[in-house]
N, C-alpha and C. Protein backbone atom coordinates (compact mmCIF):
# COMPACT_ATOMS: atom_id res chain seq x y z
N UNK A 1 6.31 -104.77 -43.57
CA UNK A 1 7.74 -104.29 -42.51
C UNK A 1 8.73 -105.14 -42.72
N UNK A 2 9.72 -104.12 -42.73
CA UNK A 2 11.12 -105.09 -42.56
C UNK A 2 11.27 -105.17 -40.79
N UNK A 3 11.84 -106.51 -40.46
CA UNK A 3 12.01 -106.77 -39.38
C UNK A 3 13.69 -106.12 -38.75
N UNK A 4 13.88 -105.97 -37.66
CA UNK A 4 14.97 -105.36 -37.51
C UNK A 4 16.08 -106.14 -37.68
N UNK A 5 17.28 -105.69 -38.15
CA UNK A 5 18.56 -106.56 -38.45
C UNK A 5 18.25 -107.16 -40.25
N UNK A 6 16.75 -106.99 -40.55
CA UNK A 6 17.26 -107.90 -41.93
C UNK A 6 16.58 -106.54 -43.01
N UNK A 7 17.45 -107.30 -44.37
CA UNK A 7 17.22 -106.57 -45.90
C UNK A 7 15.45 -106.69 -46.07
N UNK A 8 15.24 -105.30 -46.38
CA UNK A 8 13.69 -105.51 -46.44
C UNK A 8 13.68 -106.34 -48.37
N UNK A 9 12.63 -106.54 -48.56
CA UNK A 9 12.18 -107.02 -49.98
C UNK A 9 11.98 -105.85 -50.83
N UNK A 10 11.71 -105.03 -50.66
CA UNK A 10 11.40 -103.68 -51.52
C UNK A 10 11.66 -102.43 -50.68
N UNK A 11 12.66 -101.62 -51.28
CA UNK A 11 13.04 -100.10 -50.73
C UNK A 11 12.10 -99.29 -51.74
N UNK A 12 11.22 -98.24 -51.53
CA UNK A 12 10.74 -97.19 -51.85
C UNK A 12 11.79 -95.76 -51.43
N UNK A 13 11.94 -94.96 -52.41
CA UNK A 13 12.62 -93.61 -52.35
C UNK A 13 11.85 -92.66 -52.78
N UNK A 14 11.22 -91.67 -51.88
CA UNK A 14 10.12 -90.14 -52.22
C UNK A 14 10.73 -89.15 -52.40
N UNK A 15 11.37 -88.35 -53.33
CA UNK A 15 12.45 -87.12 -53.40
C UNK A 15 11.05 -86.75 -52.72
N UNK A 16 11.05 -85.72 -51.99
CA UNK A 16 9.89 -84.50 -51.51
C UNK A 16 10.79 -83.11 -50.99
N UNK A 17 10.34 -82.32 -51.96
CA UNK A 17 10.08 -80.27 -51.95
C UNK A 17 8.97 -80.25 -50.94
N UNK A 18 9.20 -79.50 -49.81
CA UNK A 18 8.62 -78.43 -49.66
C UNK A 18 6.30 -79.45 -49.57
N UNK A 19 6.58 -80.47 -48.90
CA UNK A 19 5.62 -80.96 -48.97
C UNK A 19 4.74 -81.51 -47.95
N UNK A 20 4.80 -80.55 -46.57
CA UNK A 20 4.65 -80.07 -45.29
C UNK A 20 3.14 -80.32 -45.42
N UNK A 21 2.48 -79.86 -46.04
CA UNK A 21 0.71 -80.33 -46.74
C UNK A 21 0.31 -81.44 -46.42
N UNK A 22 1.03 -82.49 -47.43
CA UNK A 22 0.72 -83.81 -47.37
C UNK A 22 1.82 -84.85 -47.26
N UNK A 23 2.76 -84.99 -46.60
CA UNK A 23 3.42 -85.47 -46.07
C UNK A 23 3.29 -86.76 -44.93
N UNK A 24 3.24 -86.73 -44.37
CA UNK A 24 2.57 -87.24 -42.89
C UNK A 24 1.22 -88.32 -43.66
N UNK A 25 -0.07 -87.36 -44.27
CA UNK A 25 -0.88 -88.08 -44.60
C UNK A 25 -0.41 -89.69 -45.62
N UNK A 26 0.17 -88.77 -46.73
CA UNK A 26 0.86 -89.73 -47.98
C UNK A 26 1.69 -90.83 -47.56
N UNK A 27 2.33 -90.73 -46.19
CA UNK A 27 3.29 -91.99 -45.39
C UNK A 27 2.21 -92.70 -44.97
N UNK A 28 1.51 -92.15 -44.03
CA UNK A 28 0.35 -93.26 -43.55
C UNK A 28 -0.17 -93.93 -44.83
N UNK A 29 -0.95 -93.30 -45.55
CA UNK A 29 -1.91 -93.97 -46.18
C UNK A 29 -0.82 -95.01 -47.00
N UNK A 30 0.55 -94.83 -47.50
CA UNK A 30 1.52 -95.65 -48.32
C UNK A 30 1.57 -96.83 -46.91
N UNK A 31 1.88 -97.07 -45.76
CA UNK A 31 2.12 -97.86 -45.02
C UNK A 31 1.11 -98.55 -45.18
N UNK A 32 -0.08 -97.77 -44.92
CA UNK A 32 -1.50 -98.84 -44.79
C UNK A 32 -1.67 -99.27 -45.82
N UNK A 33 -2.01 -99.17 -47.07
CA UNK A 33 -1.51 -99.94 -48.64
C UNK A 33 -0.28 -101.28 -48.50
N UNK A 34 0.99 -100.77 -47.90
CA UNK A 34 1.87 -101.83 -48.00
C UNK A 34 1.82 -102.77 -46.94
N UNK A 35 1.26 -102.57 -45.87
CA UNK A 35 0.71 -103.54 -45.39
C UNK A 35 0.19 -104.56 -45.51
N UNK A 36 -0.73 -105.06 -46.48
CA UNK A 36 -1.39 -106.04 -46.96
C UNK A 36 -0.42 -106.54 -47.92
N UNK A 37 0.94 -106.84 -48.20
CA UNK A 37 1.59 -107.12 -49.02
C UNK A 37 2.32 -108.24 -48.26
N UNK A 38 2.65 -108.76 -48.90
CA UNK A 38 3.56 -110.11 -48.35
C UNK A 38 4.93 -110.05 -48.53
N UNK A 39 6.04 -108.54 -48.53
CA UNK A 39 7.23 -107.98 -48.70
C UNK A 39 7.19 -107.42 -47.50
N UNK A 40 8.42 -107.76 -47.28
CA UNK A 40 8.81 -106.46 -46.03
C UNK A 40 9.17 -105.39 -46.90
N UNK A 41 9.85 -104.10 -46.30
CA UNK A 41 9.82 -103.00 -47.30
C UNK A 41 10.42 -101.75 -46.42
N UNK A 42 10.97 -100.76 -47.03
CA UNK A 42 11.30 -99.75 -46.18
C UNK A 42 11.30 -98.41 -47.30
N UNK A 43 11.03 -97.51 -46.53
CA UNK A 43 10.54 -96.19 -47.13
C UNK A 43 11.68 -95.10 -47.02
N UNK A 44 12.20 -94.47 -47.86
CA UNK A 44 13.21 -93.96 -47.78
C UNK A 44 12.78 -92.20 -48.56
N UNK A 45 12.52 -91.25 -47.15
CA UNK A 45 12.49 -89.95 -47.60
C UNK A 45 13.17 -89.41 -48.44
N UNK A 46 13.80 -88.56 -49.55
CA UNK A 46 14.58 -87.86 -50.22
C UNK A 46 14.69 -86.95 -49.92
N UNK A 47 14.55 -85.97 -48.85
CA UNK A 47 14.27 -84.52 -48.11
C UNK A 47 14.84 -83.70 -49.00
N UNK A 48 15.01 -82.95 -50.21
CA UNK A 48 15.61 -81.99 -50.97
C UNK A 48 15.79 -80.75 -50.70
N UNK A 49 15.73 -80.13 -49.62
CA UNK A 49 16.11 -78.09 -49.43
C UNK A 49 14.93 -77.72 -49.29
N UNK A 50 13.66 -78.88 -48.21
CA UNK A 50 12.90 -77.77 -48.69
C UNK A 50 13.08 -76.34 -47.59
N UNK A 51 11.86 -75.54 -47.79
CA UNK A 51 12.04 -74.38 -47.16
C UNK A 51 10.92 -74.71 -45.57
N UNK A 52 10.01 -75.49 -46.10
CA UNK A 52 8.70 -75.06 -44.95
C UNK A 52 9.23 -76.45 -44.13
N UNK A 53 7.72 -77.42 -43.21
CA UNK A 53 8.38 -77.94 -42.63
C UNK A 53 8.43 -79.52 -42.90
N UNK A 54 9.05 -79.83 -44.18
CA UNK A 54 8.86 -81.42 -44.30
C UNK A 54 9.76 -81.67 -43.89
N UNK A 55 11.17 -81.01 -43.38
CA UNK A 55 12.64 -81.87 -43.03
C UNK A 55 11.91 -82.10 -41.79
N UNK A 56 11.26 -81.47 -40.57
CA UNK A 56 10.72 -81.98 -39.36
C UNK A 56 10.02 -82.69 -39.30
N UNK A 57 8.88 -83.36 -40.40
CA UNK A 57 8.16 -84.14 -40.35
C UNK A 57 8.54 -85.10 -40.48
N UNK A 58 9.30 -85.08 -42.16
CA UNK A 58 10.16 -86.57 -41.96
C UNK A 58 10.69 -86.73 -41.04
N UNK A 59 11.82 -86.18 -40.16
CA UNK A 59 12.59 -86.85 -39.28
C UNK A 59 11.13 -87.44 -37.64
N UNK A 60 9.98 -86.93 -37.86
CA UNK A 60 9.41 -87.50 -37.04
C UNK A 60 8.51 -88.86 -37.26
N UNK A 61 8.57 -88.51 -38.50
CA UNK A 61 7.86 -89.61 -39.01
C UNK A 61 8.83 -91.21 -38.71
N UNK A 62 9.98 -90.79 -38.74
CA UNK A 62 11.35 -91.63 -39.17
C UNK A 62 11.57 -91.95 -37.76
N UNK A 63 10.85 -91.31 -36.47
CA UNK A 63 11.62 -92.06 -35.37
C UNK A 63 10.22 -91.96 -34.78
N UNK A 64 9.17 -92.30 -36.11
CA UNK A 64 7.75 -93.05 -35.30
C UNK A 64 8.23 -94.72 -36.17
N UNK A 65 8.29 -94.86 -37.16
CA UNK A 65 8.35 -95.93 -37.68
C UNK A 65 9.68 -96.49 -38.15
N UNK A 66 9.74 -97.80 -37.91
CA UNK A 66 11.22 -98.29 -38.01
C UNK A 66 11.31 -98.78 -39.54
N UNK A 67 10.40 -98.73 -40.27
CA UNK A 67 11.06 -99.08 -42.05
C UNK A 67 10.89 -97.65 -42.20
N UNK A 68 10.99 -96.47 -41.89
CA UNK A 68 10.63 -95.15 -42.50
C UNK A 68 12.12 -94.71 -41.89
N UNK A 69 12.97 -94.18 -43.26
CA UNK A 69 14.34 -93.02 -42.86
C UNK A 69 13.83 -92.02 -43.88
N UNK A 70 15.09 -91.25 -43.50
CA UNK A 70 15.07 -90.09 -44.38
C UNK A 70 16.83 -89.66 -44.68
N UNK A 71 16.58 -88.80 -45.71
CA UNK A 71 17.92 -88.34 -45.86
C UNK A 71 17.57 -86.92 -46.56
N UNK A 72 18.66 -85.92 -46.38
CA UNK A 72 18.10 -84.86 -46.28
C UNK A 72 19.25 -83.93 -47.13
N UNK A 73 19.26 -83.61 -48.27
CA UNK A 73 20.02 -82.52 -49.15
C UNK A 73 19.75 -81.29 -48.67
N UNK A 74 20.57 -80.55 -49.43
CA UNK A 74 20.71 -78.99 -48.67
C UNK A 74 19.31 -78.32 -49.79
N UNK A 75 20.32 -79.20 -50.98
CA UNK A 75 19.19 -77.68 -52.50
C UNK A 75 18.53 -78.50 -52.84
N UNK A 76 17.79 -77.84 -53.15
CA UNK A 76 16.63 -78.44 -53.86
C UNK A 76 16.74 -78.87 -55.70
N UNK A 77 17.01 -80.17 -55.50
CA UNK A 77 17.54 -80.96 -56.84
C UNK A 77 16.74 -81.95 -56.65
N UNK A 78 16.24 -82.36 -57.61
CA UNK A 78 15.63 -83.80 -57.26
C UNK A 78 16.28 -84.76 -57.75
N UNK A 79 16.81 -84.56 -58.84
CA UNK A 79 17.53 -85.95 -59.41
C UNK A 79 18.32 -86.29 -58.35
N UNK A 80 19.44 -85.33 -57.40
CA UNK A 80 20.22 -85.65 -56.19
C UNK A 80 19.23 -86.25 -55.36
N UNK A 81 18.56 -85.56 -54.76
CA UNK A 81 17.47 -86.11 -54.07
C UNK A 81 17.17 -87.62 -53.91
N UNK A 82 17.35 -88.17 -55.56
CA UNK A 82 16.91 -89.55 -55.85
C UNK A 82 18.18 -89.97 -55.80
N UNK A 83 18.87 -89.66 -56.11
CA UNK A 83 20.43 -90.61 -56.18
C UNK A 83 20.90 -90.63 -54.62
N UNK A 84 20.71 -89.47 -54.22
CA UNK A 84 20.57 -89.95 -52.20
C UNK A 84 20.12 -90.84 -51.57
N UNK A 85 18.33 -90.70 -51.94
CA UNK A 85 17.54 -92.14 -51.10
C UNK A 85 18.26 -93.35 -51.68
N UNK A 86 18.33 -93.36 -53.11
CA UNK A 86 18.70 -94.74 -53.50
C UNK A 86 19.79 -95.30 -52.62
N UNK A 87 21.03 -94.58 -52.68
CA UNK A 87 22.22 -94.81 -51.92
C UNK A 87 22.23 -95.58 -50.73
N UNK A 88 21.04 -94.85 -50.01
CA UNK A 88 20.52 -94.98 -48.68
C UNK A 88 20.23 -96.53 -48.39
N UNK A 89 19.09 -96.87 -49.21
CA UNK A 89 18.04 -98.34 -49.26
C UNK A 89 18.83 -99.23 -48.60
N UNK A 90 18.44 -100.31 -48.62
CA UNK A 90 19.16 -101.48 -47.63
C UNK A 90 18.92 -102.30 -48.28
N UNK A 91 17.69 -102.88 -49.74
CA UNK A 91 17.79 -103.47 -50.43
C UNK A 91 18.82 -103.82 -51.24
N UNK A 92 18.38 -105.15 -52.10
CA UNK A 92 19.49 -105.38 -53.20
C UNK A 92 19.03 -104.73 -54.46
N UNK A 93 19.81 -103.35 -54.77
CA UNK A 93 19.38 -102.84 -56.52
C UNK A 93 20.46 -102.98 -56.85
N UNK A 94 20.12 -103.29 -58.39
CA UNK A 94 21.62 -103.38 -59.57
C UNK A 94 22.31 -101.95 -59.46
N UNK A 95 23.04 -102.14 -60.01
CA UNK A 95 23.80 -100.49 -59.94
C UNK A 95 24.81 -100.30 -61.19
N UNK A 96 24.96 -99.95 -61.91
CA UNK A 96 23.92 -98.24 -62.56
C UNK A 96 22.62 -98.60 -62.97
N UNK A 97 21.87 -97.54 -62.89
CA UNK A 97 20.37 -97.30 -63.25
C UNK A 97 20.54 -96.09 -63.89
N UNK A 98 19.68 -96.30 -64.83
CA UNK A 98 19.30 -95.00 -65.96
C UNK A 98 17.71 -94.39 -65.80
N UNK A 99 17.34 -94.56 -64.71
CA UNK A 99 16.49 -93.22 -64.80
C UNK A 99 15.62 -94.07 -63.27
N UNK A 100 14.07 -93.35 -63.42
CA UNK A 100 13.49 -93.68 -62.50
C UNK A 100 12.98 -95.03 -62.23
N UNK A 101 13.22 -95.89 -61.34
CA UNK A 101 12.89 -97.25 -61.10
C UNK A 101 11.98 -97.50 -60.24
N UNK A 102 10.97 -98.62 -60.43
CA UNK A 102 10.35 -98.97 -59.28
C UNK A 102 9.80 -100.26 -58.90
N UNK A 103 10.24 -100.87 -57.78
CA UNK A 103 9.90 -102.30 -57.31
C UNK A 103 9.15 -102.84 -58.04
N UNK A 104 9.45 -104.13 -58.74
CA UNK A 104 8.15 -104.66 -59.26
C UNK A 104 8.65 -106.12 -58.57
N UNK A 105 7.78 -106.95 -56.82
CA UNK A 105 8.42 -107.96 -56.93
C UNK A 105 7.74 -109.34 -57.07
N UNK A 106 6.49 -108.95 -58.50
CA UNK A 106 5.84 -109.91 -58.04
C UNK A 106 6.80 -110.80 -60.03
N UNK A 107 7.14 -109.70 -60.64
CA UNK A 107 8.56 -110.18 -61.96
C UNK A 107 9.67 -110.61 -61.11
N UNK A 108 9.73 -110.03 -60.02
CA UNK A 108 11.39 -110.59 -59.23
C UNK A 108 12.30 -109.50 -59.20
N UNK A 109 11.81 -108.41 -60.17
CA UNK A 109 13.12 -107.51 -60.61
C UNK A 109 12.84 -106.18 -60.49
N UNK A 110 13.55 -105.26 -60.99
CA UNK A 110 13.01 -104.02 -61.34
C UNK A 110 12.43 -103.66 -62.42
N UNK A 111 11.76 -102.21 -62.64
CA UNK A 111 11.21 -101.86 -63.50
C UNK A 111 11.50 -100.41 -63.99
N UNK A 112 11.85 -100.40 -65.28
CA UNK A 112 12.06 -98.97 -66.02
C UNK A 112 10.78 -98.49 -66.29
N UNK A 113 10.92 -97.24 -66.05
CA UNK A 113 9.59 -96.57 -66.77
C UNK A 113 9.99 -95.06 -67.06
């Protein structure tokens, strides 16, 4: 987890749409898995036009966990949500990017898949 006023080592952007049934459990599980790693991190939930309680749950989680933030877009658009989430990350990411990226801390960079 990133300490206050520090830049996290990795940022994880998760686009979500109508995920109220699994969002809380998925985030708690991800936090548990990340807690064993030696890197600081942040999680950005990129909510995009959900019609269920996804945005409400993301807001509650972000208020409870300092390493978690959310970004809301009005329209259901996966690509736009991903781009907005990436714009809001705190870690250093080279831009422009060409497709889904995942942090690969062991290699010291980013990997495209």
